[in-house]
PDB file of N, CA and C in Angstrom:
ATOM      1  N   THR A   1      -5.478   2.980 -23.063  1.00  0.00           N
ATOM      2  CA  THR A   1      -5.768   3.989 -22.057  1.00  0.00           C
ATOM      3  C   THR A   1      -6.706   3.505 -20.948  1.00  0.00           C
ATOM      4  N   GLU A   2      -7.538   2.510 -21.248  1.00  0.00           N
ATOM      5  CA  GLU A   2      -8.443   1.976 -20.224  1.00  0.00           C
ATOM      6  C   GLU A   2      -7.681   1.390 -19.045  1.00  0.00           C
ATOM      7  N   GLY A   3      -6.596   0.678 -19.337  1.00  0.00           N
ATOM      8  CA  GLY A   3      -5.781   0.120 -18.276  1.00  0.00           C
ATOM      9  C   GLY A   3      -5.141   1.187 -17.401  1.00  0.00           C
ATOM     10  N   LEU A   4      -4.741   2.258 -18.043  1.00  0.00           N
ATOM     11  CA  LEU A   4      -4.132   3.373 -17.287  1.00  0.00           C
ATOM     12  C   LEU A   4      -5.148   4.028 -16.379  1.00  0.00           C
ATOM     13  N   ILE A   5      -6.354   4.254 -16.882  1.00  0.00           N
ATOM     14  CA  ILE A   5      -7.423   4.857 -16.068  1.00  0.00           C
ATOM     15  C   ILE A   5      -7.803   3.925 -14.945  1.00  0.00           C
ATOM     16  N   GLY A   6      -7.899   2.631 -15.196  1.00  0.00           N
ATOM     17  CA  GLY A   6      -8.216   1.665 -14.159  1.00  0.00           C
ATOM     18  C   GLY A   6      -7.160   1.653 -13.049  1.00  0.00           C
ATOM     19  N   PHE A   7      -5.917   1.876 -13.424  1.00  0.00           N
ATOM     20  CA  PHE A   7      -4.840   1.918 -12.436  1.00  0.00           C
ATOM     21  C   PHE A   7      -5.099   3.011 -11.426  1.00  0.00           C
ATOM     22  N   PHE A   8      -5.542   4.192 -11.857  1.00  0.00           N
ATOM     23  CA  PHE A   8      -5.773   5.298 -10.944  1.00  0.00           C
ATOM     24  C   PHE A   8      -7.090   5.148 -10.187  1.00  0.00           C
ATOM     25  N   VAL A   9      -8.073   4.546 -10.810  1.00  0.00           N
ATOM     26  CA  VAL A   9      -9.390   4.383 -10.179  1.00  0.00           C
ATOM     27  C   VAL A   9      -9.318   3.315  -9.101  1.00  0.00           C
ATOM     28  N   ASN A  10      -8.564   2.270  -9.314  1.00  0.00           N
ATOM     29  CA  ASN A  10      -8.545   1.112  -8.401  1.00  0.00           C
ATOM     30  C   ASN A  10      -7.485   1.179  -7.296  1.00  0.00           C
ATOM     31  N   THR A  11      -6.837   2.313  -7.125  1.00  0.00           N
ATOM     32  CA  THR A  11      -5.854   2.403  -6.074  1.00  0.00           C
ATOM     33  C   THR A  11      -6.519   2.379  -4.704  1.00  0.00           C
ATOM     34  N   GLN A  12      -5.841   1.817  -3.728  1.00  0.00           N
ATOM     35  CA  GLN A  12      -6.345   1.750  -2.375  1.00  0.00           C
ATOM     36  C   GLN A  12      -5.376   2.457  -1.453  1.00  0.00           C
ATOM     37  N   VAL A  13      -5.953   3.184  -0.496  1.00  0.00           N
ATOM     38  CA  VAL A  13      -5.130   3.877   0.477  1.00  0.00           C
ATOM     39  C   VAL A  13      -4.863   2.951   1.640  1.00  0.00           C
ATOM     40  N   LEU A  14      -3.614   2.800   2.004  1.00  0.00           N
ATOM     41  CA  LEU A  14      -3.233   1.971   3.142  1.00  0.00           C
ATOM     42  C   LEU A  14      -2.700   2.870   4.245  1.00  0.00           C
ATOM     43  N   ARG A  15      -3.343   2.768   5.406  1.00  0.00           N
ATOM     44  CA  ARG A  15      -2.881   3.547   6.555  1.00  0.00           C
ATOM     45  C   ARG A  15      -2.072   2.639   7.459  1.00  0.00           C
ATOM     46  N   ALA A  16      -0.948   3.141   7.870  1.00  0.00           N
ATOM     47  CA  ALA A  16      -0.104   2.336   8.780  1.00  0.00           C
ATOM     48  C   ALA A  16       0.774   3.283   9.597  1.00  0.00           C
ATOM     49  N   GLU A  17       1.089   2.830  10.782  1.00  0.00           N
ATOM     50  CA  GLU A  17       2.032   3.574  11.606  1.00  0.00           C
ATOM     51  C   GLU A  17       3.342   2.820  11.605  1.00  0.00           C
ATOM     52  N   PHE A  18       4.417   3.506  11.234  1.00  0.00           N
ATOM     53  CA  PHE A  18       5.718   2.866  11.182  1.00  0.00           C
ATOM     54  C   PHE A  18       6.795   3.910  11.397  1.00  0.00           C
ATOM     55  N   ASP A  19       7.975   3.474  11.785  1.00  0.00           N
ATOM     56  CA  ASP A  19       9.067   4.402  11.970  1.00  0.00           C
ATOM     57  C   ASP A  19      10.024   4.318  10.788  1.00  0.00           C
ATOM     58  N   VAL A  20      11.069   5.107  10.814  1.00  0.00           N
ATOM     59  CA  VAL A  20      11.983   5.184   9.681  1.00  0.00           C
ATOM     60  C   VAL A  20      12.793   3.915   9.493  1.00  0.00           C
ATOM     61  N   ASN A  21      12.845   3.052  10.535  1.00  0.00           N
ATOM     62  CA  ASN A  21      13.606   1.796  10.435  1.00  0.00           C
ATOM     63  C   ASN A  21      12.787   0.625   9.921  1.00  0.00           C
ATOM     64  N   THR A  22      11.495   0.841   9.666  1.00  0.00           N
ATOM     65  CA  THR A  22      10.638  -0.213   9.164  1.00  0.00           C
ATOM     66  C   THR A  22      10.988  -0.519   7.704  1.00  0.00           C
ATOM     67  N   THR A  23      11.177  -1.802   7.410  1.00  0.00           N
ATOM     68  CA  THR A  23      11.462  -2.197   6.030  1.00  0.00           C
ATOM     69  C   THR A  23      10.166  -2.309   5.247  1.00  0.00           C
ATOM     70  N   PHE A  24      10.289  -2.335   3.939  1.00  0.00           N
ATOM     71  CA  PHE A  24       9.096  -2.409   3.085  1.00  0.00           C
ATOM     72  C   PHE A  24       8.372  -3.736   3.309  1.00  0.00           C
ATOM     73  N   SER A  25       9.109  -4.829   3.495  1.00  0.00           N
ATOM     74  CA  SER A  25       8.437  -6.123   3.725  1.00  0.00           C
ATOM     75  C   SER A  25       7.714  -6.126   5.071  1.00  0.00           C
ATOM     76  N   GLU A  26       8.269  -5.482   6.082  1.00  0.00           N
ATOM     77  CA  GLU A  26       7.582  -5.376   7.378  1.00  0.00           C
ATOM     78  C   GLU A  26       6.312  -4.548   7.223  1.00  0.00           C
ATOM     79  N   LEU A  27       6.378  -3.483   6.432  1.00  0.00           N
ATOM     80  CA  LEU A  27       5.210  -2.646   6.207  1.00  0.00           C
ATOM     81  C   LEU A  27       4.098  -3.450   5.508  1.00  0.00           C
ATOM     82  N   LEU A  28       4.468  -4.272   4.518  1.00  0.00           N
ATOM     83  CA  LEU A  28       3.483  -5.112   3.843  1.00  0.00           C
ATOM     84  C   LEU A  28       2.888  -6.108   4.809  1.00  0.00           C
ATOM     85  N   HIS A  29       3.695  -6.681   5.680  1.00  0.00           N
ATOM     86  CA  HIS A  29       3.187  -7.649   6.671  1.00  0.00           C
ATOM     87  C   HIS A  29       2.213  -6.965   7.622  1.00  0.00           C
ATOM     88  N   LEU A  30       2.529  -5.770   8.063  1.00  0.00           N
ATOM     89  CA  LEU A  30       1.617  -5.037   8.974  1.00  0.00           C
ATOM     90  C   LEU A  30       0.280  -4.783   8.302  1.00  0.00           C
ATOM     91  N   ASN A  31       0.274  -4.413   7.030  1.00  0.00           N
ATOM     92  CA  ASN A  31      -0.933  -4.104   6.301  1.00  0.00           C
ATOM     93  C   ASN A  31      -1.735  -5.352   5.952  1.00  0.00           C
ATOM     94  N   SER A  32      -1.063  -6.475   5.798  1.00  0.00           N
ATOM     95  CA  SER A  32      -1.793  -7.702   5.460  1.00  0.00           C
ATOM     96  C   SER A  32      -2.591  -8.214   6.654  1.00  0.00           C
ATOM     97  N   ALA A  33      -2.203  -7.798   7.851  1.00  0.00           N
ATOM     98  CA  ALA A  33      -2.901  -8.252   9.050  1.00  0.00           C
ATOM     99  C   ALA A  33      -4.219  -7.485   9.264  1.00  0.00           C
ATOM    100  N   THR A  34      -4.403  -6.383   8.571  1.00  0.00           N
ATOM    101  CA  THR A  34      -5.631  -5.582   8.764  1.00  0.00           C
ATOM    102  C   THR A  34      -6.642  -5.873   7.702  1.00  0.00           C
TER     103      THR A  34
END
């Protein structure tokens, strides 16, 4: 259960602006630049 609790505690919120045509890999690339 400690691993499960750590999963919820250690989540990070990522803010990004993207449109419906943005792929998941493009979204990751945009967030890695910040």
